[in-house]
Amino acid sequence: MSLSSWRAAKRTGWQKSARSHSSVSRTLRMVADVFFYALKSVLYPLQPLYD
């Protein structure tokens, strides 16, 4: 899955729950971002971590 499609899926998937569970959604987003960048740094070590 490409970076752009992952961001699009994250944006559409979490906007709905953000209204009723803002703190939970914010925590999930933070955890998923950390996990995603850690995974990306392992899979693509030659690319910059934040692009």
PDB file of N, CA and C in Angstrom:
ATOM      1  N   MET A   1       0.854  -1.194   0.000  1.00  0.00           N
ATOM      2  CA  MET A   1       0.000   0.000   0.000  1.00  0.00           C
ATOM      3  C   MET A   1       0.887   1.239   0.000  1.00  0.00           C
ATOM      4  N   SER A   2       0.615   2.146  -0.898  1.00  0.00           N
ATOM      5  CA  SER A   2       1.441   3.339  -1.014  1.00  0.00           C
ATOM      6  C   SER A   2       1.163   4.307   0.130  1.00  0.00           C
ATOM      7  N   LEU A   3       2.071   5.245   0.303  1.00  0.00           N
ATOM      8  CA  LEU A   3       1.939   6.217   1.390  1.00  0.00           C
ATOM      9  C   LEU A   3       0.695   7.071   1.220  1.00  0.00           C
ATOM     10  N   SER A   4       0.417   7.494  -0.015  1.00  0.00           N
ATOM     11  CA  SER A   4      -0.736   8.371  -0.256  1.00  0.00           C
ATOM     12  C   SER A   4      -2.049   7.648  -0.006  1.00  0.00           C
ATOM     13  N   SER A   5      -2.147   6.388  -0.421  1.00  0.00           N
ATOM     14  CA  SER A   5      -3.398   5.654  -0.213  1.00  0.00           C
ATOM     15  C   SER A   5      -3.588   5.338   1.269  1.00  0.00           C
ATOM     16  N   TRP A   6      -2.475   5.117   1.992  1.00  0.00           N
ATOM     17  CA  TRP A   6      -2.588   4.858   3.427  1.00  0.00           C
ATOM     18  C   TRP A   6      -3.093   6.101   4.151  1.00  0.00           C
ATOM     19  N   ARG A   7      -2.580   7.250   3.748  1.00  0.00           N
ATOM     20  CA  ARG A   7      -3.040   8.501   4.363  1.00  0.00           C
ATOM     21  C   ARG A   7      -4.506   8.752   4.062  1.00  0.00           C
ATOM     22  N   ALA A   8      -4.933   8.439   2.839  1.00  0.00           N
ATOM     23  CA  ALA A   8      -6.334   8.633   2.463  1.00  0.00           C
ATOM     24  C   ALA A   8      -7.234   7.706   3.269  1.00  0.00           C
ATOM     25  N   ALA A   9      -6.816   6.467   3.451  1.00  0.00           N
ATOM     26  CA  ALA A   9      -7.611   5.514   4.225  1.00  0.00           C
ATOM     27  C   ALA A   9      -7.679   5.938   5.689  1.00  0.00           C
ATOM     28  N   LYS A  10      -6.570   6.450   6.211  1.00  0.00           N
ATOM     29  CA  LYS A  10      -6.550   6.913   7.596  1.00  0.00           C
ATOM     30  C   LYS A  10      -7.482   8.103   7.779  1.00  0.00           C
ATOM     31  N   ARG A  11      -7.446   9.011   6.807  1.00  0.00           N
ATOM     32  CA  ARG A  11      -8.247  10.226   6.913  1.00  0.00           C
ATOM     33  C   ARG A  11      -9.746   9.900   6.856  1.00  0.00           C
ATOM     34  N   THR A  12     -10.160   9.076   5.917  1.00  0.00           N
ATOM     35  CA  THR A  12     -11.583   8.758   5.774  1.00  0.00           C
ATOM     36  C   THR A  12     -12.057   7.834   6.888  1.00  0.00           C
ATOM     37  N   GLY A  13     -11.196   6.934   7.336  1.00  0.00           N
ATOM     38  CA  GLY A  13     -11.605   5.957   8.343  1.00  0.00           C
ATOM     39  C   GLY A  13     -11.741   6.550   9.732  1.00  0.00           C
ATOM     40  N   TRP A  14     -10.920   7.546  10.053  1.00  0.00           N
ATOM     41  CA  TRP A  14     -10.904   8.064  11.424  1.00  0.00           C
ATOM     42  C   TRP A  14     -11.678   9.360  11.613  1.00  0.00           C
ATOM     43  N   GLN A  15     -12.106   9.999  10.535  1.00  0.00           N
ATOM     44  CA  GLN A  15     -12.880  11.231  10.689  1.00  0.00           C
ATOM     45  C   GLN A  15     -14.233  10.952  11.339  1.00  0.00           C
ATOM     46  N   LYS A  16     -14.840   9.813  11.035  1.00  0.00           N
ATOM     47  CA  LYS A  16     -16.163   9.497  11.578  1.00  0.00           C
ATOM     48  C   LYS A  16     -16.106   9.338  13.100  1.00  0.00           C
ATOM     49  N   SER A  17     -15.147   8.558  13.588  1.00  0.00           N
ATOM     50  CA  SER A  17     -15.081   8.297  15.019  1.00  0.00           C
ATOM     51  C   SER A  17     -14.510   9.483  15.796  1.00  0.00           C
ATOM     52  N   ALA A  18     -13.868  10.409  15.109  1.00  0.00           N
ATOM     53  CA  ALA A  18     -13.233  11.536  15.790  1.00  0.00           C
ATOM     54  C   ALA A  18     -14.260  12.445  16.455  1.00  0.00           C
ATOM     55  N   ARG A  19     -15.481  12.457  15.928  1.00  0.00           N
ATOM     56  CA  ARG A  19     -16.488  13.351  16.493  1.00  0.00           C
ATOM     57  C   ARG A  19     -16.957  12.867  17.866  1.00  0.00           C
ATOM     58  N   SER A  20     -17.205  11.570  18.000  1.00  0.00           N
ATOM     59  CA  SER A  20     -17.760  11.060  19.251  1.00  0.00           C
ATOM     60  C   SER A  20     -16.670  10.588  20.216  1.00  0.00           C
ATOM     61  N   HIS A  21     -15.513  10.197  19.696  1.00  0.00           N
ATOM     62  CA  HIS A  21     -14.435   9.694  20.551  1.00  0.00           C
ATOM     63  C   HIS A  21     -13.132  10.400  20.194  1.00  0.00           C
ATOM     64  N   SER A  22     -13.089  11.693  20.442  1.00  0.00           N
ATOM     65  CA  SER A  22     -11.946  12.481  19.987  1.00  0.00           C
ATOM     66  C   SER A  22     -10.642  12.040  20.654  1.00  0.00           C
ATOM     67  N   SER A  23     -10.670  11.790  21.968  1.00  0.00           N
ATOM     68  CA  SER A  23      -9.436  11.419  22.656  1.00  0.00           C
ATOM     69  C   SER A  23      -8.958  10.036  22.225  1.00  0.00           C
ATOM     70  N   VAL A  24      -9.893   9.110  22.060  1.00  0.00           N
ATOM     71  CA  VAL A  24      -9.530   7.764  21.614  1.00  0.00           C
ATOM     72  C   VAL A  24      -8.995   7.814  20.194  1.00  0.00           C
ATOM     73  N   SER A  25      -9.671   8.567  19.333  1.00  0.00           N
ATOM     74  CA  SER A  25      -9.243   8.684  17.942  1.00  0.00           C
ATOM     75  C   SER A  25      -7.863   9.320  17.854  1.00  0.00           C
ATOM     76  N   ARG A  26      -7.634  10.336  18.693  1.00  0.00           N
ATOM     77  CA  ARG A  26      -6.335  11.011  18.673  1.00  0.00           C
ATOM     78  C   ARG A  26      -5.231  10.047  19.103  1.00  0.00           C
ATOM     79  N   THR A  27      -5.514   9.236  20.123  1.00  0.00           N
ATOM     80  CA  THR A  27      -4.523   8.269  20.594  1.00  0.00           C
ATOM     81  C   THR A  27      -4.243   7.215  19.534  1.00  0.00           C
ATOM     82  N   LEU A  28      -5.299   6.705  18.907  1.00  0.00           N
ATOM     83  CA  LEU A  28      -5.118   5.702  17.855  1.00  0.00           C
ATOM     84  C   LEU A  28      -4.319   6.267  16.690  1.00  0.00           C
ATOM     85  N   ARG A  29      -4.597   7.519  16.341  1.00  0.00           N
ATOM     86  CA  ARG A  29      -3.877   8.140  15.232  1.00  0.00           C
ATOM     87  C   ARG A  29      -2.395   8.263  15.564  1.00  0.00           C
ATOM     88  N   MET A  30      -2.094   8.671  16.797  1.00  0.00           N
ATOM     89  CA  MET A  30      -0.709   8.838  17.204  1.00  0.00           C
ATOM     90  C   MET A  30       0.024   7.495  17.197  1.00  0.00           C
ATOM     91  N   VAL A  31      -0.624   6.468  17.743  1.00  0.00           N
ATOM     92  CA  VAL A  31      -0.013   5.139  17.786  1.00  0.00           C
ATOM     93  C   VAL A  31       0.200   4.596  16.375  1.00  0.00           C
ATOM     94  N   ALA A  32      -0.805   4.769  15.513  1.00  0.00           N
ATOM     95  CA  ALA A  32      -0.693   4.267  14.143  1.00  0.00           C
ATOM     96  C   ALA A  32       0.402   5.001  13.377  1.00  0.00           C
ATOM     97  N   ASP A  33       0.528   6.312  13.595  1.00  0.00           N
ATOM     98  CA  ASP A  33       1.577   7.073  12.922  1.00  0.00           C
ATOM     99  C   ASP A  33       2.961   6.597  13.357  1.00  0.00           C
ATOM    100  N   VAL A  34       3.146   6.407  14.656  1.00  0.00           N
ATOM    101  CA  VAL A  34       4.433   5.936  15.163  1.00  0.00           C
ATOM    102  C   VAL A  34       4.747   4.556  14.602  1.00  0.00           C
ATOM    103  N   PHE A  35       3.750   3.668  14.622  1.00  0.00           N
ATOM    104  CA  PHE A  35       3.951   2.316  14.096  1.00  0.00           C
ATOM    105  C   PHE A  35       4.264   2.342  12.605  1.00  0.00           C
ATOM    106  N   PHE A  36       3.533   3.188  11.864  1.00  0.00           N
ATOM    107  CA  PHE A  36       3.729   3.254  10.417  1.00  0.00           C
ATOM    108  C   PHE A  36       5.132   3.736  10.071  1.00  0.00           C
ATOM    109  N   TYR A  37       5.598   4.789  10.720  1.00  0.00           N
ATOM    110  CA  TYR A  37       6.918   5.316  10.409  1.00  0.00           C
ATOM    111  C   TYR A  37       8.019   4.353  10.844  1.00  0.00           C
ATOM    112  N   ALA A  38       7.812   3.645  11.950  1.00  0.00           N
ATOM    113  CA  ALA A  38       8.789   2.641  12.371  1.00  0.00           C
ATOM    114  C   ALA A  38       8.849   1.500  11.360  1.00  0.00           C
ATOM    115  N   LEU A  39       7.682   1.055  10.899  1.00  0.00           N
ATOM    116  CA  LEU A  39       7.629  -0.014   9.905  1.00  0.00           C
ATOM    117  C   LEU A  39       8.264   0.435   8.596  1.00  0.00           C
ATOM    118  N   LYS A  40       7.983   1.671   8.198  1.00  0.00           N
ATOM    119  CA  LYS A  40       8.534   2.196   6.951  1.00  0.00           C
ATOM    120  C   LYS A  40      10.056   2.304   7.039  1.00  0.00           C
ATOM    121  N   SER A  41      10.578   2.693   8.186  1.00  0.00           N
ATOM    122  CA  SER A  41      12.020   2.843   8.330  1.00  0.00           C
ATOM    123  C   SER A  41      12.727   1.491   8.258  1.00  0.00           C
ATOM    124  N   VAL A  42      12.012   0.429   8.642  1.00  0.00           N
ATOM    125  CA  VAL A  42      12.581  -0.918   8.545  1.00  0.00           C
ATOM    126  C   VAL A  42      12.524  -1.418   7.101  1.00  0.00           C
ATOM    127  N   LEU A  43      11.389  -1.178   6.435  1.00  0.00           N
ATOM    128  CA  LEU A  43      11.212  -1.688   5.079  1.00  0.00           C
ATOM    129  C   LEU A  43      11.978  -0.869   4.047  1.00  0.00           C
ATOM    130  N   TYR A  44      12.107   0.443   4.269  1.00  0.00           N
ATOM    131  CA  TYR A  44      12.764   1.317   3.298  1.00  0.00           C
ATOM    132  C   TYR A  44      13.860   2.137   3.983  1.00  0.00           C
ATOM    133  N   PRO A  45      14.948   1.503   4.375  1.00  0.00           N
ATOM    134  CA  PRO A  45      15.977   2.216   5.153  1.00  0.00           C
ATOM    135  C   PRO A  45      16.715   3.289   4.354  1.00  0.00           C
ATOM    136  N   LEU A  46      16.669   3.216   3.024  1.00  0.00           N
ATOM    137  CA  LEU A  46      17.383   4.202   2.214  1.00  0.00           C
ATOM    138  C   LEU A  46      16.575   5.462   1.976  1.00  0.00           C
ATOM    139  N   GLN A  47      15.275   5.427   2.277  1.00  0.00           N
ATOM    140  CA  GLN A  47      14.431   6.603   2.094  1.00  0.00           C
ATOM    141  C   GLN A  47      14.403   7.423   3.385  1.00  0.00           C
ATOM    142  N   PRO A  48      14.180   8.742   3.274  1.00  0.00           N
ATOM    143  CA  PRO A  48      14.031   9.559   4.489  1.00  0.00           C
ATOM    144  C   PRO A  48      12.812   9.117   5.284  1.00  0.00           C
ATOM    145  N   LEU A  49      12.880   9.240   6.604  1.00  0.00           N
ATOM    146  CA  LEU A  49      11.816   8.735   7.458  1.00  0.00           C
ATOM    147  C   LEU A  49      10.523   9.512   7.255  1.00  0.00           C
ATOM    148  N   TYR A  50      10.636  10.831   7.138  1.00  0.00           N
ATOM    149  CA  TYR A  50       9.443  11.653   6.911  1.00  0.00           C
ATOM    150  C   TYR A  50       9.549  12.295   5.533  1.00  0.00           C
ATOM    151  N   ASP A  51       8.657  11.909   4.645  1.00  0.00           N
ATOM    152  CA  ASP A  51       8.731  12.456   3.290  1.00  0.00           C
ATOM    153  C   ASP A  51       7.501  13.283   2.974  1.00  0.00           C
TER     154      ASP A  51
END
